[in-house]
Amino acid sequence: MSGLRRVDLAQRCLLAITGADRRDFLQGLITADLRLLSPRRALWGALLTPQGKYLFDFFLLEPDDGRFLLEADARRAPALVRRLSMYRL
């Protein structure tokens, strides 16, 4: 395979969402349909304002360990965490 290359992902980060209510918490906040998420299938999603304006986008993963992982822009991660914390159950 001559097209295989290493890619630097230093600009990306992983945020873990844990807790028994993690699915209900995210389902009402993001654009992705979490019913389609599985350990073998990642989803792309976004967080919008109540008016529908774009704030953040990310890939959502569900490993087998009882958490969700949001793979997002590392430079915007603190703002994403603050925004998600506003909606904490």
PDB file of N, CA and C in Angstrom:
ATOM      1  N   MET A   1       0.848  -1.173   0.000  1.00  0.00           N
ATOM      2  CA  MET A   1       0.000   0.000   0.000  1.00  0.00           C
ATOM      3  C   MET A   1       0.892   1.234   0.000  1.00  0.00           C
ATOM      4  N   SER A   2       1.098   1.842  -1.120  1.00  0.00           N
ATOM      5  CA  SER A   2       2.013   2.973  -1.222  1.00  0.00           C
ATOM      6  C   SER A   2       1.390   4.288  -0.768  1.00  0.00           C
ATOM      7  N   GLY A   3       0.069   4.350  -0.610  1.00  0.00           N
ATOM      8  CA  GLY A   3      -0.591   5.589  -0.225  1.00  0.00           C
ATOM      9  C   GLY A   3      -0.768   5.761   1.270  1.00  0.00           C
ATOM     10  N   LEU A   4      -0.176   4.901   2.069  1.00  0.00           N
ATOM     11  CA  LEU A   4      -0.332   4.970   3.519  1.00  0.00           C
ATOM     12  C   LEU A   4       0.614   6.011   4.098  1.00  0.00           C
ATOM     13  N   ARG A   5       0.057   6.953   4.874  1.00  0.00           N
ATOM     14  CA  ARG A   5       0.869   8.006   5.486  1.00  0.00           C
ATOM     15  C   ARG A   5       0.417   8.247   6.911  1.00  0.00           C
ATOM     16  N   ARG A   6       1.327   8.720   7.701  1.00  0.00           N
ATOM     17  CA  ARG A   6       1.024   9.125   9.077  1.00  0.00           C
ATOM     18  C   ARG A   6       0.474  10.544   9.040  1.00  0.00           C
ATOM     19  N   VAL A   7      -0.578  10.795   9.820  1.00  0.00           N
ATOM     20  CA  VAL A   7      -1.199  12.117   9.859  1.00  0.00           C
ATOM     21  C   VAL A   7      -1.097  12.657  11.277  1.00  0.00           C
ATOM     22  N   ASP A   8      -0.637  13.885  11.413  1.00  0.00           N
ATOM     23  CA  ASP A   8      -0.537  14.535  12.717  1.00  0.00           C
ATOM     24  C   ASP A   8      -1.912  15.056  13.127  1.00  0.00           C
ATOM     25  N   LEU A   9      -2.418  14.567  14.256  1.00  0.00           N
ATOM     26  CA  LEU A   9      -3.727  14.988  14.750  1.00  0.00           C
ATOM     27  C   LEU A   9      -3.605  15.846  16.001  1.00  0.00           C
ATOM     28  N   ALA A  10      -2.521  16.591  16.119  1.00  0.00           N
ATOM     29  CA  ALA A  10      -2.298  17.423  17.302  1.00  0.00           C
ATOM     30  C   ALA A  10      -3.372  18.494  17.462  1.00  0.00           C
ATOM     31  N   GLN A  11      -4.035  18.849  16.382  1.00  0.00           N
ATOM     32  CA  GLN A  11      -5.088  19.868  16.442  1.00  0.00           C
ATOM     33  C   GLN A  11      -6.440  19.294  16.873  1.00  0.00           C
ATOM     34  N   ARG A  12      -6.496  18.009  17.148  1.00  0.00           N
ATOM     35  CA  ARG A  12      -7.745  17.344  17.529  1.00  0.00           C
ATOM     36  C   ARG A  12      -7.643  16.869  18.970  1.00  0.00           C
ATOM     37  N   CYS A  13      -8.780  16.645  19.608  1.00  0.00           N
ATOM     38  CA  CYS A  13      -8.791  16.122  20.976  1.00  0.00           C
ATOM     39  C   CYS A  13      -9.985  15.196  21.147  1.00  0.00           C
ATOM     40  N   LEU A  14      -9.962  14.407  22.212  1.00  0.00           N
ATOM     41  CA  LEU A  14     -11.076  13.530  22.563  1.00  0.00           C
ATOM     42  C   LEU A  14     -11.667  13.992  23.885  1.00  0.00           C
ATOM     43  N   LEU A  15     -12.968  14.209  23.899  1.00  0.00           N
ATOM     44  CA  LEU A  15     -13.696  14.543  25.116  1.00  0.00           C
ATOM     45  C   LEU A  15     -14.574  13.353  25.468  1.00  0.00           C
ATOM     46  N   ALA A  16     -14.532  12.910  26.713  1.00  0.00           N
ATOM     47  CA  ALA A  16     -15.325  11.759  27.151  1.00  0.00           C
ATOM     48  C   ALA A  16     -16.604  12.235  27.818  1.00  0.00           C
ATOM     49  N   ILE A  17     -17.727  11.636  27.418  1.00  0.00           N
ATOM     50  CA  ILE A  17     -19.025  11.881  28.048  1.00  0.00           C
ATOM     51  C   ILE A  17     -19.404  10.581  28.746  1.00  0.00           C
ATOM     52  N   THR A  18     -19.574  10.632  30.062  1.00  0.00           N
ATOM     53  CA  THR A  18     -19.867   9.431  30.840  1.00  0.00           C
ATOM     54  C   THR A  18     -21.165   9.604  31.619  1.00  0.00           C
ATOM     55  N   GLY A  19     -21.622   8.518  32.198  1.00  0.00           N
ATOM     56  CA  GLY A  19     -22.819   8.547  33.031  1.00  0.00           C
ATOM     57  C   GLY A  19     -23.965   7.795  32.377  1.00  0.00           C
ATOM     58  N   ALA A  20     -24.855   7.304  33.210  1.00  0.00           N
ATOM     59  CA  ALA A  20     -25.982   6.509  32.723  1.00  0.00           C
ATOM     60  C   ALA A  20     -26.906   7.314  31.811  1.00  0.00           C
ATOM     61  N   ASP A  21     -26.941   8.621  31.975  1.00  0.00           N
ATOM     62  CA  ASP A  21     -27.839   9.473  31.194  1.00  0.00           C
ATOM     63  C   ASP A  21     -27.163  10.110  29.980  1.00  0.00           C
ATOM     64  N   ARG A  22     -25.971   9.654  29.621  1.00  0.00           N
ATOM     65  CA  ARG A  22     -25.205  10.296  28.548  1.00  0.00           C
ATOM     66  C   ARG A  22     -25.954  10.301  27.219  1.00  0.00           C
ATOM     67  N   ARG A  23     -26.666   9.227  26.903  1.00  0.00           N
ATOM     68  CA  ARG A  23     -27.387   9.153  25.623  1.00  0.00           C
ATOM     69  C   ARG A  23     -28.536  10.173  25.603  1.00  0.00           C
ATOM     70  N   ASP A  24     -29.338  10.204  26.663  1.00  0.00           N
ATOM     71  CA  ASP A  24     -30.443  11.168  26.731  1.00  0.00           C
ATOM     72  C   ASP A  24     -29.920  12.597  26.734  1.00  0.00           C
ATOM     73  N   PHE A  25     -28.822  12.823  27.435  1.00  0.00           N
ATOM     74  CA  PHE A  25     -28.220  14.153  27.506  1.00  0.00           C
ATOM     75  C   PHE A  25     -27.855  14.666  26.119  1.00  0.00           C
ATOM     76  N   LEU A  26     -27.127  13.848  25.351  1.00  0.00           N
ATOM     77  CA  LEU A  26     -26.659  14.299  24.039  1.00  0.00           C
ATOM     78  C   LEU A  26     -27.743  14.275  22.967  1.00  0.00           C
ATOM     79  N   GLN A  27     -28.665  13.325  23.040  1.00  0.00           N
ATOM     80  CA  GLN A  27     -29.665  13.170  21.977  1.00  0.00           C
ATOM     81  C   GLN A  27     -30.446  14.459  21.740  1.00  0.00           C
ATOM     82  N   GLY A  28     -30.757  15.182  22.790  1.00  0.00           N
ATOM     83  CA  GLY A  28     -31.517  16.409  22.620  1.00  0.00           C
ATOM     84  C   GLY A  28     -30.684  17.639  22.304  1.00  0.00           C
ATOM     85  N   LEU A  29     -29.376  17.503  22.316  1.00  0.00           N
ATOM     86  CA  LEU A  29     -28.498  18.662  22.122  1.00  0.00           C
ATOM     87  C   LEU A  29     -27.816  18.722  20.765  1.00  0.00           C
ATOM     88  N   ILE A  30     -27.509  17.585  20.187  1.00  0.00           N
ATOM     89  CA  ILE A  30     -26.678  17.568  18.981  1.00  0.00           C
ATOM     90  C   ILE A  30     -27.486  17.138  17.761  1.00  0.00           C
ATOM     91  N   THR A  31     -26.909  17.335  16.591  1.00  0.00           N
ATOM     92  CA  THR A  31     -27.616  17.033  15.350  1.00  0.00           C
ATOM     93  C   THR A  31     -27.588  15.553  14.982  1.00  0.00           C
ATOM     94  N   ALA A  32     -26.697  14.778  15.546  1.00  0.00           N
ATOM     95  CA  ALA A  32     -26.580  13.356  15.203  1.00  0.00           C
ATOM     96  C   ALA A  32     -27.687  12.548  15.869  1.00  0.00           C
ATOM     97  N   ASP A  33     -28.153  11.507  15.189  1.00  0.00           N
ATOM     98  CA  ASP A  33     -29.140  10.584  15.742  1.00  0.00           C
ATOM     99  C   ASP A  33     -28.390   9.460  16.448  1.00  0.00           C
ATOM    100  N   LEU A  34     -28.377   9.489  17.765  1.00  0.00           N
ATOM    101  CA  LEU A  34     -27.586   8.528  18.534  1.00  0.00           C
ATOM    102  C   LEU A  34     -28.092   7.102  18.414  1.00  0.00           C
ATOM    103  N   ARG A  35     -29.279   6.907  17.896  1.00  0.00           N
ATOM    104  CA  ARG A  35     -29.764   5.537  17.661  1.00  0.00           C
ATOM    105  C   ARG A  35     -28.910   4.839  16.615  1.00  0.00           C
ATOM    106  N   LEU A  36     -28.217   5.605  15.784  1.00  0.00           N
ATOM    107  CA  LEU A  36     -27.371   5.040  14.730  1.00  0.00           C
ATOM    108  C   LEU A  36     -25.937   4.781  15.182  1.00  0.00           C
ATOM    109  N   LEU A  37     -25.595   5.231  16.377  1.00  0.00           N
ATOM    110  CA  LEU A  37     -24.233   5.091  16.891  1.00  0.00           C
ATOM    111  C   LEU A  37     -24.015   3.695  17.456  1.00  0.00           C
ATOM    112  N   SER A  38     -22.847   3.130  17.186  1.00  0.00           N
ATOM    113  CA  SER A  38     -22.478   1.827  17.742  1.00  0.00           C
ATOM    114  C   SER A  38     -20.956   1.767  17.838  1.00  0.00           C
ATOM    115  N   PRO A  39     -20.416   0.769  18.547  1.00  0.00           N
ATOM    116  CA  PRO A  39     -18.957   0.658  18.629  1.00  0.00           C
ATOM    117  C   PRO A  39     -18.274   0.519  17.262  1.00  0.00           C
ATOM    118  N   ARG A  40     -18.998   0.106  16.253  1.00  0.00           N
ATOM    119  CA  ARG A  40     -18.422  -0.048  14.914  1.00  0.00           C
ATOM    120  C   ARG A  40     -18.798   1.090  13.963  1.00  0.00           C
ATOM    121  N   ARG A  41     -19.550   2.067  14.465  1.00  0.00           N
ATOM    122  CA  ARG A  41     -20.013   3.134  13.580  1.00  0.00           C
ATOM    123  C   ARG A  41     -19.910   4.489  14.271  1.00  0.00           C
ATOM    124  N   ALA A  42     -19.048   5.343  13.769  1.00  0.00           N
ATOM    125  CA  ALA A  42     -18.926   6.713  14.271  1.00  0.00           C
ATOM    126  C   ALA A  42     -19.936   7.596  13.541  1.00  0.00           C
ATOM    127  N   LEU A  43     -20.289   8.689  14.177  1.00  0.00           N
ATOM    128  CA  LEU A  43     -21.203   9.656  13.571  1.00  0.00           C
ATOM    129  C   LEU A  43     -20.558  11.032  13.568  1.00  0.00           C
ATOM    130  N   TRP A  44     -20.931  11.839  12.601  1.00  0.00           N
ATOM    131  CA  TRP A  44     -20.569  13.244  12.605  1.00  0.00           C
ATOM    132  C   TRP A  44     -21.756  13.999  13.163  1.00  0.00           C
ATOM    133  N   GLY A  45     -21.489  14.979  14.006  1.00  0.00           N
ATOM    134  CA  GLY A  45     -22.570  15.774  14.573  1.00  0.00           C
ATOM    135  C   GLY A  45     -22.128  17.195  14.814  1.00  0.00           C
ATOM    136  N   ALA A  46     -23.083  18.007  15.199  1.00  0.00           N
ATOM    137  CA  ALA A  46     -22.800  19.409  15.492  1.00  0.00           C
ATOM    138  C   ALA A  46     -23.645  19.848  16.679  1.00  0.00           C
ATOM    139  N   LEU A  47     -23.172  20.875  17.326  1.00  0.00           N
ATOM    140  CA  LEU A  47     -23.925  21.535  18.385  1.00  0.00           C
ATOM    141  C   LEU A  47     -24.306  22.904  17.843  1.00  0.00           C
ATOM    142  N   LEU A  48     -25.589  23.197  17.891  1.00  0.00           N
ATOM    143  CA  LEU A  48     -26.118  24.441  17.357  1.00  0.00           C
ATOM    144  C   LEU A  48     -26.691  25.290  18.479  1.00  0.00           C
ATOM    145  N   THR A  49     -26.893  26.569  18.198  1.00  0.00           N
ATOM    146  CA  THR A  49     -27.606  27.426  19.145  1.00  0.00           C
ATOM    147  C   THR A  49     -29.087  27.061  19.097  1.00  0.00           C
ATOM    148  N   PRO A  50     -29.884  27.519  20.056  1.00  0.00           N
ATOM    149  CA  PRO A  50     -31.332  27.283  19.978  1.00  0.00           C
ATOM    150  C   PRO A  50     -31.956  27.843  18.689  1.00  0.00           C
ATOM    151  N   GLN A  51     -31.298  28.821  18.078  1.00  0.00           N
ATOM    152  CA  GLN A  51     -31.781  29.389  16.821  1.00  0.00           C
ATOM    153  C   GLN A  51     -31.273  28.630  15.593  1.00  0.00           C
ATOM    154  N   GLY A  52     -30.482  27.583  15.812  1.00  0.00           N
ATOM    155  CA  GLY A  52     -29.991  26.765  14.711  1.00  0.00           C
ATOM    156  C   GLY A  52     -28.681  27.217  14.105  1.00  0.00           C
ATOM    157  N   LYS A  53     -27.965  28.112  14.749  1.00  0.00           N
ATOM    158  CA  LYS A  53     -26.675  28.562  14.231  1.00  0.00           C
ATOM    159  C   LYS A  53     -25.561  27.630  14.702  1.00  0.00           C
ATOM    160  N   TYR A  54     -24.621  27.383  13.804  1.00  0.00           N
ATOM    161  CA  TYR A  54     -23.501  26.485  14.066  1.00  0.00           C
ATOM    162  C   TYR A  54     -22.619  27.005  15.201  1.00  0.00           C
ATOM    163  N   LEU A  55     -22.258  26.090  16.117  1.00  0.00           N
ATOM    164  CA  LEU A  55     -21.282  26.390  17.163  1.00  0.00           C
ATOM    165  C   LEU A  55     -20.047  25.502  17.050  1.00  0.00           C
ATOM    166  N   PHE A  56     -20.257  24.178  17.026  1.00  0.00           N
ATOM    167  CA  PHE A  56     -19.161  23.208  17.032  1.00  0.00           C
ATOM    168  C   PHE A  56     -19.561  22.003  16.191  1.00  0.00           C
ATOM    169  N   ASP A  57     -18.566  21.342  15.608  1.00  0.00           N
ATOM    170  CA  ASP A  57     -18.816  20.037  15.005  1.00  0.00           C
ATOM    171  C   ASP A  57     -17.780  19.061  15.525  1.00  0.00           C
ATOM    172  N   PHE A  58     -18.092  17.770  15.395  1.00  0.00           N
ATOM    173  CA  PHE A  58     -17.253  16.732  15.986  1.00  0.00           C
ATOM    174  C   PHE A  58     -17.656  15.383  15.423  1.00  0.00           C
ATOM    175  N   PHE A  59     -16.789  14.414  15.625  1.00  0.00           N
ATOM    176  CA  PHE A  59     -17.134  13.021  15.387  1.00  0.00           C
ATOM    177  C   PHE A  59     -17.458  12.412  16.735  1.00  0.00           C
ATOM    178  N   LEU A  60     -18.461  11.573  16.763  1.00  0.00           N
ATOM    179  CA  LEU A  60     -18.905  10.929  17.988  1.00  0.00           C
ATOM    180  C   LEU A  60     -18.636   9.434  17.873  1.00  0.00           C
ATOM    181  N   LEU A  61     -17.968   8.890  18.883  1.00  0.00           N
ATOM    182  CA  LEU A  61     -17.628   7.468  18.921  1.00  0.00           C
ATOM    183  C   LEU A  61     -18.203   6.857  20.190  1.00  0.00           C
ATOM    184  N   GLU A  62     -18.521   5.568  20.129  1.00  0.00           N
ATOM    185  CA  GLU A  62     -19.013   4.854  21.304  1.00  0.00           C
ATOM    186  C   GLU A  62     -18.201   3.574  21.496  1.00  0.00           C
ATOM    187  N   PRO A  63     -17.077   3.667  22.207  1.00  0.00           N
ATOM    188  CA  PRO A  63     -16.312   2.449  22.474  1.00  0.00           C
ATOM    189  C   PRO A  63     -17.113   1.522  23.395  1.00  0.00           C
ATOM    190  N   ASP A  64     -16.615   0.337  23.606  1.00  0.00           N
ATOM    191  CA  ASP A  64     -17.315  -0.661  24.428  1.00  0.00           C
ATOM    192  C   ASP A  64     -17.184  -0.425  25.925  1.00  0.00           C
ATOM    193  N   ASP A  65     -16.736   0.736  26.362  1.00  0.00           N
ATOM    194  CA  ASP A  65     -16.455   0.940  27.787  1.00  0.00           C
ATOM    195  C   ASP A  65     -17.458   1.842  28.506  1.00  0.00           C
ATOM    196  N   GLY A  66     -18.633   2.064  27.928  1.00  0.00           N
ATOM    197  CA  GLY A  66     -19.676   2.804  28.614  1.00  0.00           C
ATOM    198  C   GLY A  66     -19.542   4.313  28.580  1.00  0.00           C
ATOM    199  N   ARG A  67     -18.933   4.854  27.555  1.00  0.00           N
ATOM    200  CA  ARG A  67     -18.815   6.308  27.428  1.00  0.00           C
ATOM    201  C   ARG A  67     -18.931   6.681  25.961  1.00  0.00           C
ATOM    202  N   PHE A  68     -19.133   7.951  25.710  1.00  0.00           N
ATOM    203  CA  PHE A  68     -19.074   8.503  24.365  1.00  0.00           C
ATOM    204  C   PHE A  68     -17.796   9.319  24.270  1.00  0.00           C
ATOM    205  N   LEU A  69     -17.187   9.325  23.107  1.00  0.00           N
ATOM    206  CA  LEU A  69     -16.018  10.161  22.842  1.00  0.00           C
ATOM    207  C   LEU A  69     -16.373  11.140  21.736  1.00  0.00           C
ATOM    208  N   LEU A  70     -16.129  12.414  21.986  1.00  0.00           N
ATOM    209  CA  LEU A  70     -16.295  13.447  20.972  1.00  0.00           C
ATOM    210  C   LEU A  70     -14.907  13.822  20.492  1.00  0.00           C
ATOM    211  N   GLU A  71     -14.637  13.617  19.220  1.00  0.00           N
ATOM    212  CA  GLU A  71     -13.356  13.989  18.617  1.00  0.00           C
ATOM    213  C   GLU A  71     -13.567  15.349  17.971  1.00  0.00           C
ATOM    214  N   ALA A  72     -12.903  16.363  18.528  1.00  0.00           N
ATOM    215  CA  ALA A  72     -13.191  17.743  18.143  1.00  0.00           C
ATOM    216  C   ALA A  72     -11.907  18.544  17.954  1.00  0.00           C
ATOM    217  N   ASP A  73     -12.066  19.759  17.480  1.00  0.00           N
ATOM    218  CA  ASP A  73     -10.959  20.700  17.310  1.00  0.00           C
ATOM    219  C   ASP A  73     -10.402  21.051  18.690  1.00  0.00           C
ATOM    220  N   ALA A  74      -9.144  20.761  18.925  1.00  0.00           N
ATOM    221  CA  ALA A  74      -8.524  20.985  20.238  1.00  0.00           C
ATOM    222  C   ALA A  74      -8.525  22.460  20.627  1.00  0.00           C
ATOM    223  N   ARG A  75      -8.412  23.338  19.662  1.00  0.00           N
ATOM    224  CA  ARG A  75      -8.384  24.775  19.970  1.00  0.00           C
ATOM    225  C   ARG A  75      -9.726  25.273  20.493  1.00  0.00           C
ATOM    226  N   ARG A  76     -10.802  24.601  20.126  1.00  0.00           N
ATOM    227  CA  ARG A  76     -12.137  25.028  20.539  1.00  0.00           C
ATOM    228  C   ARG A  76     -12.712  24.150  21.645  1.00  0.00           C
ATOM    229  N   ALA A  77     -11.950  23.165  22.096  1.00  0.00           N
ATOM    230  CA  ALA A  77     -12.442  22.222  23.107  1.00  0.00           C
ATOM    231  C   ALA A  77     -12.879  22.895  24.407  1.00  0.00           C
ATOM    232  N   PRO A  78     -12.129  23.853  24.960  1.00  0.00           N
ATOM    233  CA  PRO A  78     -12.598  24.485  26.203  1.00  0.00           C
ATOM    234  C   PRO A  78     -13.973  25.146  26.053  1.00  0.00           C
ATOM    235  N   ALA A  79     -14.209  25.788  24.931  1.00  0.00           N
ATOM    236  CA  ALA A  79     -15.515  26.418  24.698  1.00  0.00           C
ATOM    237  C   ALA A  79     -16.607  25.370  24.520  1.00  0.00           C
ATOM    238  N   LEU A  80     -16.285  24.249  23.878  1.00  0.00           N
ATOM    239  CA  LEU A  80     -17.256  23.163  23.725  1.00  0.00           C
ATOM    240  C   LEU A  80     -17.618  22.577  25.082  1.00  0.00           C
ATOM    241  N   VAL A  81     -16.630  22.355  25.930  1.00  0.00           N
ATOM    242  CA  VAL A  81     -16.884  21.827  27.278  1.00  0.00           C
ATOM    243  C   VAL A  81     -17.756  22.802  28.067  1.00  0.00           C
ATOM    244  N   ARG A  82     -17.458  24.087  27.994  1.00  0.00           N
ATOM    245  CA  ARG A  82     -18.282  25.093  28.697  1.00  0.00           C
ATOM    246  C   ARG A  82     -19.725  25.053  28.211  1.00  0.00           C
ATOM    247  N   ARG A  83     -19.903  24.967  26.900  1.00  0.00           N
ATOM    248  CA  ARG A  83     -21.257  24.963  26.334  1.00  0.00           C
ATOM    249  C   ARG A  83     -22.016  23.706  26.750  1.00  0.00           C
ATOM    250  N   LEU A  84     -21.377  22.548  26.676  1.00  0.00           N
ATOM    251  CA  LEU A  84     -22.043  21.314  27.100  1.00  0.00           C
ATOM    252  C   LEU A  84     -22.355  21.345  28.591  1.00  0.00           C
ATOM    253  N   SER A  85     -21.476  21.946  29.375  1.00  0.00           N
ATOM    254  CA  SER A  85     -21.699  22.034  30.823  1.00  0.00           C
ATOM    255  C   SER A  85     -22.910  22.891  31.165  1.00  0.00           C
ATOM    256  N   MET A  86     -23.274  23.805  30.301  1.00  0.00           N
ATOM    257  CA  MET A  86     -24.464  24.630  30.533  1.00  0.00           C
ATOM    258  C   MET A  86     -25.730  23.783  30.566  1.00  0.00           C
ATOM    259  N   TYR A  87     -25.712  22.663  29.858  1.00  0.00           N
ATOM    260  CA  TYR A  87     -26.890  21.808  29.724  1.00  0.00           C
ATOM    261  C   TYR A  87     -26.831  20.577  30.616  1.00  0.00           C
ATOM    262  N   ARG A  88     -25.858  20.515  31.473  1.00  0.00           N
ATOM    263  CA  ARG A  88     -25.657  19.335  32.314  1.00  0.00           C
ATOM    264  C   ARG A  88     -26.937  18.982  33.060  1.00  0.00           C
ATOM    265  N   LEU A  89     -27.251  17.680  33.099  1.00  0.00           N
ATOM    266  CA  LEU A  89     -28.458  17.205  33.799  1.00  0.00           C
ATOM    267  C   LEU A  89     -28.265  17.230  35.291  1.00  0.00           C
TER     268      LEU A  89
END
